[in-house]
Amino acid sequence: MILKDNYLMGVIWTLLSAIFWGVSATCGQYLFEEKEIDAKWLVVVRLLCSGAFLFFIALKTQKNRAFLIFTNKFDTFVLVFYAIFGLFACQYTYYLTIELSNAAIATILQYTSPVFIMIYVAISTKTLPKKLEILALFLVISGVFVLATHLNLNSLNIPKKALIIGLISALCIVVYSITPLKINQKYGILTCLSLGLMISGVIAFFYNKFWNYSGVSDINGYLAVFGVVFFGTILSFSFYMKGLSILGPTKTSLIAALEPVATGFFVYVFLGVRYEVLDYVGFLMIIACTVLLAKK
């Protein structure tokens, strides 16, 4: 019974992370379209602000233990690797793929990450994926493909560079889903996530030349930024890591693919975006994946 309860909580944490990423995407779309905010500015703000907020909580609750990871050179290396090649690289390569192609192609390429995670887990554990996981993977990839293309293959004229960068973006998700598992258990999710976000934020600050961009200037803009930072980063990444610690990388990445559905719902409600029949087909396929995995 305890195992079932833990599994259910893992599903709930992961679902919440996907929903809050949907909130973040909606707020981000509002900032890009209505406030003409540059994505590079927003990436720096979300990483630094969320990292600082979470680290403040870590200091309050764990005090000096929040710095304990730096006493171990290997664990420090893992943390820095997780921050650079997981959190920062994922953000950068995703937006670069959009710049080189479009958001639809970037989304499809990034949601190939469960394939890589499934392959990694199969090799590392020397066990084949379960039939249910393979079916869920098919539903996720197919659902995202339908949403992004409406079955029009002509819209998938992917430049070679965009294809490579987009697949690297998917691999970065693998990095931040697998790399911190052991240090999370040793030092706590809160400490590792907050430090990872701050390190990646500092790198993004200088790499994106943050000082060259202007931010928001009115209450609606500040509220949207709050939505990206608090819901889309602090809560979503925290809940994703919590789900990850219970379900493991394969199931967590598949359930988190509910994010496009959550985004679709919020942009419909708050931004008035309307959908076609094929959009609903794609939504249902992704929801079916989540239902299959949650059924356990």
C-alpha atoms as a PDB file:
ATOM      1  CA  MET A   1       0.000   0.000   0.000  1.00  0.00           C
ATOM      2  CA  ILE A   2       2.868   2.366   0.848  1.00  0.00           C
ATOM      3  CA  LEU A   3       4.503   1.690  -2.526  1.00  0.00           C
ATOM      4  CA  LYS A   4       1.235   2.460  -4.321  1.00  0.00           C
ATOM      5  CA  ASP A   5       0.831   5.679  -2.339  1.00  0.00           C
ATOM      6  CA  ASN A   6       4.410   6.718  -3.168  1.00  0.00           C
ATOM      7  CA  TYR A   7       3.860   5.964  -6.854  1.00  0.00           C
ATOM      8  CA  LEU A   8       0.656   8.010  -6.841  1.00  0.00           C
ATOM      9  CA  MET A   9       2.436  10.945  -5.191  1.00  0.00           C
ATOM     10  CA  GLY A  10       5.196  10.697  -7.798  1.00  0.00           C
ATOM     11  CA  VAL A  11       2.580  10.936 -10.560  1.00  0.00           C
ATOM     12  CA  ILE A  12       0.912  13.905  -8.828  1.00  0.00           C
ATOM     13  CA  TRP A  13       4.213  15.784  -8.348  1.00  0.00           C
ATOM     14  CA  THR A  14       5.124  15.249 -11.998  1.00  0.00           C
ATOM     15  CA  LEU A  15       1.668  16.265 -13.241  1.00  0.00           C
ATOM     16  CA  LEU A  16       1.888  19.454 -11.191  1.00  0.00           C
ATOM     17  CA  SER A  17       5.304  20.222 -12.681  1.00  0.00           C
ATOM     18  CA  ALA A  18       3.870  19.858 -16.202  1.00  0.00           C
ATOM     19  CA  ILE A  19       0.886  22.064 -15.331  1.00  0.00           C
ATOM     20  CA  PHE A  20       3.104  24.803 -13.898  1.00  0.00           C
ATOM     21  CA  TRP A  21       5.385  24.630 -16.933  1.00  0.00           C
ATOM     22  CA  GLY A  22       2.206  25.236 -18.909  1.00  0.00           C
ATOM     23  CA  VAL A  23       1.541  28.341 -16.811  1.00  0.00           C
ATOM     24  CA  SER A  24       5.098  29.479 -17.464  1.00  0.00           C
ATOM     25  CA  ALA A  25       4.800  28.967 -21.221  1.00  0.00           C
ATOM     26  CA  THR A  26       1.589  30.995 -21.282  1.00  0.00           C
ATOM     27  CA  CYS A  27       3.174  33.834 -19.319  1.00  0.00           C
ATOM     28  CA  GLY A  28       6.220  33.650 -21.577  1.00  0.00           C
ATOM     29  CA  GLN A  29       4.073  33.861 -24.715  1.00  0.00           C
ATOM     30  CA  TYR A  30       2.323  36.908 -23.264  1.00  0.00           C
ATOM     31  CA  LEU A  31       5.680  38.577 -22.529  1.00  0.00           C
ATOM     32  CA  PHE A  32       7.052  37.832 -26.001  1.00  0.00           C
ATOM     33  CA  GLU A  33       3.954  38.895 -27.924  1.00  0.00           C
ATOM     34  CA  GLU A  34       2.508  41.722 -25.823  1.00  0.00           C
ATOM     35  CA  LYS A  35       5.547  43.142 -24.024  1.00  0.00           C
ATOM     36  CA  GLU A  36       8.182  42.348 -26.695  1.00  0.00           C
ATOM     37  CA  ILE A  37      10.528  40.878 -24.095  1.00  0.00           C
ATOM     38  CA  ASP A  38      13.585  39.042 -25.421  1.00  0.00           C
ATOM     39  CA  ALA A  39      13.804  35.362 -24.477  1.00  0.00           C
ATOM     40  CA  LYS A  40      17.457  35.747 -23.429  1.00  0.00           C
ATOM     41  CA  TRP A  41      16.461  38.344 -20.812  1.00  0.00           C
ATOM     42  CA  LEU A  42      13.705  36.108 -19.480  1.00  0.00           C
ATOM     43  CA  VAL A  43      15.964  33.042 -19.209  1.00  0.00           C
ATOM     44  CA  VAL A  44      18.440  34.941 -17.004  1.00  0.00           C
ATOM     45  CA  VAL A  45      15.693  36.353 -14.772  1.00  0.00           C
ATOM     46  CA  ARG A  46      13.939  33.010 -14.271  1.00  0.00           C
ATOM     47  CA  LEU A  47      17.160  31.125 -13.455  1.00  0.00           C
ATOM     48  CA  LEU A  48      18.709  33.692 -11.100  1.00  0.00           C
ATOM     49  CA  CYS A  49      15.528  34.711  -9.261  1.00  0.00           C
ATOM     50  CA  SER A  50      14.257  31.162  -8.750  1.00  0.00           C
ATOM     51  CA  GLY A  51      17.703  29.898  -7.737  1.00  0.00           C
ATOM     52  CA  ALA A  52      18.192  32.704  -5.199  1.00  0.00           C
ATOM     53  CA  PHE A  53      14.697  32.198  -3.730  1.00  0.00           C
ATOM     54  CA  LEU A  54      15.140  28.436  -3.333  1.00  0.00           C
ATOM     55  CA  PHE A  55      18.646  28.823  -1.881  1.00  0.00           C
ATOM     56  CA  PHE A  56      17.310  31.287   0.707  1.00  0.00           C
ATOM     57  CA  ILE A  57      14.839  28.598   1.806  1.00  0.00           C
ATOM     58  CA  ALA A  58      17.651  26.019   1.840  1.00  0.00           C
ATOM     59  CA  LEU A  59      19.721  28.290   4.096  1.00  0.00           C
ATOM     60  CA  LYS A  60      16.771  28.810   6.456  1.00  0.00           C
ATOM     61  CA  THR A  61      16.016  25.105   6.745  1.00  0.00           C
ATOM     62  CA  GLN A  62      19.444  23.486   6.405  1.00  0.00           C
ATOM     63  CA  LYS A  63      21.772  26.298   7.505  1.00  0.00           C
ATOM     64  CA  ASN A  64      25.435  25.319   6.978  1.00  0.00           C
ATOM     65  CA  ARG A  65      24.421  21.997   5.400  1.00  0.00           C
ATOM     66  CA  ALA A  66      23.418  23.986   2.315  1.00  0.00           C
ATOM     67  CA  PHE A  67      27.152  24.372   1.552  1.00  0.00           C
ATOM     68  CA  LEU A  68      28.063  20.778   2.440  1.00  0.00           C
ATOM     69  CA  ILE A  69      28.185  19.651  -1.201  1.00  0.00           C
ATOM     70  CA  PHE A  70      31.241  21.877  -1.795  1.00  0.00           C
ATOM     71  CA  THR A  71      33.277  19.799   0.656  1.00  0.00           C
ATOM     72  CA  ASN A  72      33.220  16.910  -1.806  1.00  0.00           C
ATOM     73  CA  LYS A  73      35.074  17.599  -5.070  1.00  0.00           C
ATOM     74  CA  PHE A  74      33.321  14.914  -7.097  1.00  0.00           C
ATOM     75  CA  ASP A  75      29.837  15.961  -5.949  1.00  0.00           C
ATOM     76  CA  THR A  76      30.723  19.589  -6.694  1.00  0.00           C
ATOM     77  CA  PHE A  77      31.749  18.533 -10.203  1.00  0.00           C
ATOM     78  CA  VAL A  78      28.431  16.698 -10.653  1.00  0.00           C
ATOM     79  CA  LEU A  79      26.527  19.794  -9.485  1.00  0.00           C
ATOM     80  CA  VAL A  80      28.374  22.093 -11.909  1.00  0.00           C
ATOM     81  CA  PHE A  81      27.939  19.578 -14.744  1.00  0.00           C
ATOM     82  CA  TYR A  82      24.183  19.386 -13.965  1.00  0.00           C
ATOM     83  CA  ALA A  83      23.916  23.195 -13.926  1.00  0.00           C
ATOM     84  CA  ILE A  84      25.869  23.826 -17.137  1.00  0.00           C
ATOM     85  CA  PHE A  85      24.956  20.881 -19.367  1.00  0.00           C
ATOM     86  CA  GLY A  86      21.486  20.305 -17.911  1.00  0.00           C
ATOM     87  CA  LEU A  87      19.730  23.460 -16.773  1.00  0.00           C
ATOM     88  CA  PHE A  88      21.592  26.165 -18.724  1.00  0.00           C
ATOM     89  CA  ALA A  89      22.227  24.195 -21.922  1.00  0.00           C
ATOM     90  CA  CYS A  90      18.594  23.043 -22.077  1.00  0.00           C
ATOM     91  CA  GLN A  91      17.337  26.632 -21.934  1.00  0.00           C
ATOM     92  CA  TYR A  92      19.873  27.926 -24.439  1.00  0.00           C
ATOM     93  CA  THR A  93      19.561  25.150 -27.040  1.00  0.00           C
ATOM     94  CA  TYR A  94      15.745  25.205 -26.914  1.00  0.00           C
ATOM     95  CA  TYR A  95      15.540  28.920 -27.700  1.00  0.00           C
ATOM     96  CA  LEU A  96      18.332  28.599 -30.279  1.00  0.00           C
ATOM     97  CA  THR A  97      16.330  25.863 -32.045  1.00  0.00           C
ATOM     98  CA  ILE A  98      13.315  28.192 -32.167  1.00  0.00           C
ATOM     99  CA  GLU A  99      15.532  30.904 -33.618  1.00  0.00           C
ATOM    100  CA  LEU A 100      16.917  28.522 -36.274  1.00  0.00           C
ATOM    101  CA  SER A 101      13.514  27.040 -37.163  1.00  0.00           C
ATOM    102  CA  ASN A 102      10.276  27.612 -35.227  1.00  0.00           C
ATOM    103  CA  ALA A 103       8.583  26.733 -31.935  1.00  0.00           C
ATOM    104  CA  ALA A 104       6.802  23.695 -33.403  1.00  0.00           C
ATOM    105  CA  ILE A 105      10.012  22.039 -34.562  1.00  0.00           C
ATOM    106  CA  ALA A 106      11.784  22.927 -31.290  1.00  0.00           C
ATOM    107  CA  THR A 107       8.953  21.317 -29.311  1.00  0.00           C
ATOM    108  CA  ILE A 108       8.996  18.105 -31.342  1.00  0.00           C
ATOM    109  CA  LEU A 109      12.763  17.735 -31.085  1.00  0.00           C
ATOM    110  CA  GLN A 110      12.815  18.454 -27.331  1.00  0.00           C
ATOM    111  CA  TYR A 111      10.101  15.862 -26.676  1.00  0.00           C
ATOM    112  CA  THR A 112      12.290  13.134 -28.134  1.00  0.00           C
ATOM    113  CA  SER A 113      14.023  13.212 -24.729  1.00  0.00           C
ATOM    114  CA  PRO A 114      11.975  10.269 -23.317  1.00  0.00           C
ATOM    115  CA  VAL A 115      13.439   8.119 -26.115  1.00  0.00           C
ATOM    116  CA  PHE A 116      16.997   8.892 -24.987  1.00  0.00           C
ATOM    117  CA  ILE A 117      16.082   8.432 -21.321  1.00  0.00           C
ATOM    118  CA  MET A 118      14.457   5.078 -22.063  1.00  0.00           C
ATOM    119  CA  ILE A 119      17.547   3.940 -23.993  1.00  0.00           C
ATOM    120  CA  TYR A 120      19.874   5.089 -21.179  1.00  0.00           C
ATOM    121  CA  VAL A 121      17.831   3.323 -18.489  1.00  0.00           C
ATOM    122  CA  ALA A 122      17.619   0.131 -20.583  1.00  0.00           C
ATOM    123  CA  ILE A 123      21.417   0.071 -21.045  1.00  0.00           C
ATOM    124  CA  SER A 124      22.314   1.056 -17.472  1.00  0.00           C
ATOM    125  CA  THR A 125      19.901  -1.428 -15.864  1.00  0.00           C
ATOM    126  CA  LYS A 126      20.268  -4.085 -18.603  1.00  0.00           C
ATOM    127  CA  THR A 127      16.475  -4.393 -18.836  1.00  0.00           C
ATOM    128  CA  LEU A 128      14.191  -3.753 -21.778  1.00  0.00           C
ATOM    129  CA  PRO A 129      11.474  -1.080 -21.480  1.00  0.00           C
ATOM    130  CA  LYS A 130       8.051  -2.399 -20.510  1.00  0.00           C
ATOM    131  CA  LYS A 131       5.356  -2.619 -23.178  1.00  0.00           C
ATOM    132  CA  LEU A 132       3.328   0.026 -21.334  1.00  0.00           C
ATOM    133  CA  GLU A 133       6.271   2.458 -21.398  1.00  0.00           C
ATOM    134  CA  ILE A 134       6.825   1.876 -25.128  1.00  0.00           C
ATOM    135  CA  LEU A 135       3.121   2.508 -25.814  1.00  0.00           C
ATOM    136  CA  ALA A 136       3.223   5.668 -23.670  1.00  0.00           C
ATOM    137  CA  LEU A 137       6.310   6.850 -25.574  1.00  0.00           C
ATOM    138  CA  PHE A 138       4.531   6.305 -28.908  1.00  0.00           C
ATOM    139  CA  LEU A 139       1.526   8.299 -27.681  1.00  0.00           C
ATOM    140  CA  VAL A 140       3.710  11.200 -26.487  1.00  0.00           C
ATOM    141  CA  ILE A 141       5.776  11.506 -29.675  1.00  0.00           C
ATOM    142  CA  SER A 142       2.704  11.090 -31.889  1.00  0.00           C
ATOM    143  CA  GLY A 143       0.656  13.571 -29.854  1.00  0.00           C
ATOM    144  CA  VAL A 144       3.347  16.263 -29.951  1.00  0.00           C
ATOM    145  CA  PHE A 145       3.851  15.626 -33.691  1.00  0.00           C
ATOM    146  CA  VAL A 146       0.125  16.087 -34.385  1.00  0.00           C
ATOM    147  CA  LEU A 147      -0.004  19.252 -32.271  1.00  0.00           C
ATOM    148  CA  ALA A 148       3.016  20.805 -33.942  1.00  0.00           C
ATOM    149  CA  THR A 149       2.376  19.876 -37.585  1.00  0.00           C
ATOM    150  CA  HIS A 150      -1.358  19.062 -37.987  1.00  0.00           C
ATOM    151  CA  LEU A 151      -0.059  16.123 -40.071  1.00  0.00           C
ATOM    152  CA  ASN A 152       1.330  18.527 -42.669  1.00  0.00           C
ATOM    153  CA  LEU A 153       4.797  17.144 -43.357  1.00  0.00           C
ATOM    154  CA  ASN A 154       5.695  20.179 -45.450  1.00  0.00           C
ATOM    155  CA  SER A 155       5.826  22.223 -42.234  1.00  0.00           C
ATOM    156  CA  LEU A 156       8.704  20.048 -41.028  1.00  0.00           C
ATOM    157  CA  ASN A 157      11.362  21.363 -43.345  1.00  0.00           C
ATOM    158  CA  ILE A 158      14.023  21.234 -40.637  1.00  0.00           C
ATOM    159  CA  PRO A 159      17.359  22.986 -41.259  1.00  0.00           C
ATOM    160  CA  LYS A 160      20.272  20.670 -40.474  1.00  0.00           C
ATOM    161  CA  LYS A 161      21.646  22.976 -37.768  1.00  0.00           C
ATOM    162  CA  ALA A 162      18.214  23.257 -36.092  1.00  0.00           C
ATOM    163  CA  LEU A 163      17.904  19.453 -36.117  1.00  0.00           C
ATOM    164  CA  ILE A 164      21.267  18.998 -34.400  1.00  0.00           C
ATOM    165  CA  ILE A 165      20.701  21.745 -31.795  1.00  0.00           C
ATOM    166  CA  GLY A 166      17.147  20.509 -31.135  1.00  0.00           C
ATOM    167  CA  LEU A 167      18.358  16.977 -30.441  1.00  0.00           C
ATOM    168  CA  ILE A 168      21.063  18.401 -28.162  1.00  0.00           C
ATOM    169  CA  SER A 169      18.229  20.174 -26.298  1.00  0.00           C
ATOM    170  CA  ALA A 170      16.556  16.798 -25.773  1.00  0.00           C
ATOM    171  CA  LEU A 171      19.827  15.334 -24.499  1.00  0.00           C
ATOM    172  CA  CYS A 172      20.086  18.218 -22.010  1.00  0.00           C
ATOM    173  CA  ILE A 173      16.764  17.098 -20.525  1.00  0.00           C
ATOM    174  CA  VAL A 174      18.319  13.667 -20.100  1.00  0.00           C
ATOM    175  CA  VAL A 175      21.230  15.311 -18.255  1.00  0.00           C
ATOM    176  CA  TYR A 176      19.064  17.218 -15.765  1.00  0.00           C
ATOM    177  CA  SER A 177      16.794  14.188 -15.288  1.00  0.00           C
ATOM    178  CA  ILE A 178      19.583  11.708 -14.508  1.00  0.00           C
ATOM    179  CA  THR A 179      22.701  13.586 -13.330  1.00  0.00           C
ATOM    180  CA  PRO A 180      21.364  14.965  -9.997  1.00  0.00           C
ATOM    181  CA  LEU A 181      19.694  11.761  -8.751  1.00  0.00           C
ATOM    182  CA  LYS A 182      22.498  10.744  -6.369  1.00  0.00           C
ATOM    183  CA  ILE A 183      23.411  14.221  -5.127  1.00  0.00           C
ATOM    184  CA  ASN A 184      19.697  14.920  -4.560  1.00  0.00           C
ATOM    185  CA  GLN A 185      19.540  11.919  -2.241  1.00  0.00           C
ATOM    186  CA  LYS A 186      22.746  12.938  -0.465  1.00  0.00           C
ATOM    187  CA  TYR A 187      22.240  16.698  -0.031  1.00  0.00           C
ATOM    188  CA  GLY A 188      18.534  17.228  -0.711  1.00  0.00           C
ATOM    189  CA  ILE A 189      16.600  18.295  -3.810  1.00  0.00           C
ATOM    190  CA  LEU A 190      16.204  21.874  -2.579  1.00  0.00           C
ATOM    191  CA  THR A 191      19.941  22.497  -2.133  1.00  0.00           C
ATOM    192  CA  CYS A 192      21.035  20.887  -5.414  1.00  0.00           C
ATOM    193  CA  LEU A 193      18.280  22.508  -7.482  1.00  0.00           C
ATOM    194  CA  SER A 194      18.807  25.989  -6.030  1.00  0.00           C
ATOM    195  CA  LEU A 195      22.583  25.866  -6.501  1.00  0.00           C
ATOM    196  CA  GLY A 196      22.149  24.444 -10.002  1.00  0.00           C
ATOM    197  CA  LEU A 197      19.749  27.222 -10.970  1.00  0.00           C
ATOM    198  CA  MET A 198      22.028  29.950  -9.595  1.00  0.00           C
ATOM    199  CA  ILE A 199      25.115  28.585 -11.346  1.00  0.00           C
ATOM    200  CA  SER A 200      23.241  28.277 -14.640  1.00  0.00           C
ATOM    201  CA  GLY A 201      21.762  31.763 -14.108  1.00  0.00           C
ATOM    202  CA  VAL A 202      25.194  33.358 -13.646  1.00  0.00           C
ATOM    203  CA  ILE A 203      26.442  31.638 -16.797  1.00  0.00           C
ATOM    204  CA  ALA A 204      23.356  32.794 -18.732  1.00  0.00           C
ATOM    205  CA  PHE A 205      23.815  36.344 -17.387  1.00  0.00           C
ATOM    206  CA  PHE A 206      27.219  36.718 -19.008  1.00  0.00           C
ATOM    207  CA  TYR A 207      26.662  34.454 -22.016  1.00  0.00           C
ATOM    208  CA  ASN A 208      23.440  36.262 -23.032  1.00  0.00           C
ATOM    209  CA  LYS A 209      24.900  39.707 -22.194  1.00  0.00           C
ATOM    210  CA  PHE A 210      21.937  40.466 -19.960  1.00  0.00           C
ATOM    211  CA  TRP A 211      22.790  44.166 -19.689  1.00  0.00           C
ATOM    212  CA  ASN A 212      21.950  44.671 -23.382  1.00  0.00           C
ATOM    213  CA  TYR A 213      18.231  43.920 -22.913  1.00  0.00           C
ATOM    214  CA  SER A 214      15.372  45.859 -21.328  1.00  0.00           C
ATOM    215  CA  GLY A 215      12.797  44.218 -19.074  1.00  0.00           C
ATOM    216  CA  VAL A 216       9.166  44.816 -18.112  1.00  0.00           C
ATOM    217  CA  SER A 217       7.848  48.160 -16.928  1.00  0.00           C
ATOM    218  CA  ASP A 218       4.202  47.682 -15.879  1.00  0.00           C
ATOM    219  CA  ILE A 219       2.189  45.591 -13.418  1.00  0.00           C
ATOM    220  CA  ASN A 220       0.984  43.069 -16.023  1.00  0.00           C
ATOM    221  CA  GLY A 221       4.550  42.476 -17.142  1.00  0.00           C
ATOM    222  CA  TYR A 222       5.742  41.961 -13.572  1.00  0.00           C
ATOM    223  CA  LEU A 223       2.892  39.509 -12.901  1.00  0.00           C
ATOM    224  CA  ALA A 224       3.792  37.532 -16.018  1.00  0.00           C
ATOM    225  CA  VAL A 225       7.453  37.404 -14.969  1.00  0.00           C
ATOM    226  CA  PHE A 226       6.311  36.249 -11.507  1.00  0.00           C
ATOM    227  CA  GLY A 227       4.347  33.455 -13.204  1.00  0.00           C
ATOM    228  CA  VAL A 228       7.450  32.344 -15.138  1.00  0.00           C
ATOM    229  CA  VAL A 229       9.741  32.482 -12.090  1.00  0.00           C
ATOM    230  CA  PHE A 230       7.486  31.177  -9.320  1.00  0.00           C
ATOM    231  CA  PHE A 231       5.186  28.725 -11.103  1.00  0.00           C
ATOM    232  CA  GLY A 232       7.316  27.889 -14.142  1.00  0.00           C
ATOM    233  CA  THR A 233      10.663  27.478 -12.409  1.00  0.00           C
ATOM    234  CA  ILE A 234      10.514  27.317  -8.590  1.00  0.00           C
ATOM    235  CA  LEU A 235       7.461  25.053  -8.328  1.00  0.00           C
ATOM    236  CA  SER A 236       7.756  23.176 -11.628  1.00  0.00           C
ATOM    237  CA  PHE A 237      11.421  22.154 -11.287  1.00  0.00           C
ATOM    238  CA  SER A 238      10.968  21.342  -7.584  1.00  0.00           C
ATOM    239  CA  PHE A 239       7.961  19.121  -8.297  1.00  0.00           C
ATOM    240  CA  TYR A 240       9.684  17.508 -11.299  1.00  0.00           C
ATOM    241  CA  MET A 241      12.700  16.580  -9.171  1.00  0.00           C
ATOM    242  CA  LYS A 242      10.388  15.250  -6.460  1.00  0.00           C
ATOM    243  CA  GLY A 243       8.555  13.085  -8.999  1.00  0.00           C
ATOM    244  CA  LEU A 244      11.903  12.016 -10.428  1.00  0.00           C
ATOM    245  CA  SER A 245      13.054  10.747  -7.042  1.00  0.00           C
ATOM    246  CA  ILE A 246       9.962   8.502  -6.816  1.00  0.00           C
ATOM    247  CA  LEU A 247       9.218   7.384 -10.379  1.00  0.00           C
ATOM    248  CA  GLY A 248      12.647   7.400 -11.997  1.00  0.00           C
ATOM    249  CA  PRO A 249      13.630   9.220 -15.201  1.00  0.00           C
ATOM    250  CA  THR A 250      11.634   7.212 -17.774  1.00  0.00           C
ATOM    251  CA  LYS A 251       8.137   7.550 -16.327  1.00  0.00           C
ATOM    252  CA  THR A 252       8.762  11.101 -15.079  1.00  0.00           C
ATOM    253  CA  SER A 253       9.807  12.360 -18.510  1.00  0.00           C
ATOM    254  CA  LEU A 254       6.803  10.703 -20.155  1.00  0.00           C
ATOM    255  CA  ILE A 255       4.267  12.106 -17.677  1.00  0.00           C
ATOM    256  CA  ALA A 256       5.886  15.562 -17.866  1.00  0.00           C
ATOM    257  CA  ALA A 257       5.059  15.534 -21.592  1.00  0.00           C
ATOM    258  CA  LEU A 258       1.603  16.673 -20.472  1.00  0.00           C
ATOM    259  CA  GLU A 259       3.111  20.164 -20.585  1.00  0.00           C
ATOM    260  CA  PRO A 260       1.859  20.975 -24.156  1.00  0.00           C
ATOM    261  CA  VAL A 261      -1.669  20.070 -23.066  1.00  0.00           C
ATOM    262  CA  ALA A 262      -1.421  22.317 -19.999  1.00  0.00           C
ATOM    263  CA  THR A 263      -0.013  25.117 -22.151  1.00  0.00           C
ATOM    264  CA  GLY A 264      -2.824  24.655 -24.648  1.00  0.00           C
ATOM    265  CA  PHE A 265      -5.419  24.938 -21.908  1.00  0.00           C
ATOM    266  CA  PHE A 266      -3.958  28.083 -20.343  1.00  0.00           C
ATOM    267  CA  VAL A 267      -3.402  29.960 -23.606  1.00  0.00           C
ATOM    268  CA  TYR A 268      -7.002  29.110 -24.529  1.00  0.00           C
ATOM    269  CA  VAL A 269      -8.338  30.468 -21.233  1.00  0.00           C
ATOM    270  CA  PHE A 270      -6.110  33.513 -20.767  1.00  0.00           C
ATOM    271  CA  LEU A 271      -4.915  34.461 -24.252  1.00  0.00           C
ATOM    272  CA  GLY A 272      -7.960  33.423 -26.273  1.00  0.00           C
ATOM    273  CA  VAL A 273      -6.103  31.025 -28.602  1.00  0.00           C
ATOM    274  CA  ARG A 274      -8.478  28.683 -30.477  1.00  0.00           C
ATOM    275  CA  TYR A 275      -7.810  25.134 -31.660  1.00  0.00           C
ATOM    276  CA  GLU A 276      -8.654  22.807 -34.524  1.00  0.00           C
ATOM    277  CA  VAL A 277      -9.819  19.190 -34.366  1.00  0.00           C
ATOM    278  CA  LEU A 278      -6.275  17.822 -34.799  1.00  0.00           C
ATOM    279  CA  ASP A 279      -5.133  19.857 -31.795  1.00  0.00           C
ATOM    280  CA  TYR A 280      -7.626  18.005 -29.623  1.00  0.00           C
ATOM    281  CA  VAL A 281      -6.449  14.686 -31.092  1.00  0.00           C
ATOM    282  CA  GLY A 282      -2.889  15.532 -30.082  1.00  0.00           C
ATOM    283  CA  PHE A 283      -4.008  16.593 -26.595  1.00  0.00           C
ATOM    284  CA  LEU A 284      -5.913  13.338 -26.095  1.00  0.00           C
ATOM    285  CA  MET A 285      -2.956  11.200 -27.181  1.00  0.00           C
ATOM    286  CA  ILE A 286      -0.688  12.869 -24.621  1.00  0.00           C
ATOM    287  CA  ILE A 287      -3.335  12.626 -21.895  1.00  0.00           C
ATOM    288  CA  ALA A 288      -3.761   8.924 -22.741  1.00  0.00           C
ATOM    289  CA  CYS A 289      -0.026   8.419 -22.083  1.00  0.00           C
ATOM    290  CA  THR A 290      -0.386   9.962 -18.624  1.00  0.00           C
ATOM    291  CA  VAL A 291      -3.483   7.890 -17.827  1.00  0.00           C
ATOM    292  CA  LEU A 292      -1.696   4.679 -18.845  1.00  0.00           C
ATOM    293  CA  LEU A 293       1.253   5.370 -16.553  1.00  0.00           C
ATOM    294  CA  ALA A 294      -0.877   6.657 -13.679  1.00  0.00           C
ATOM    295  CA  LYS A 295      -3.080   3.553 -13.827  1.00  0.00           C
ATOM    296  CA  LYS A 296      -0.406   1.546 -12.009  1.00  0.00           C
END
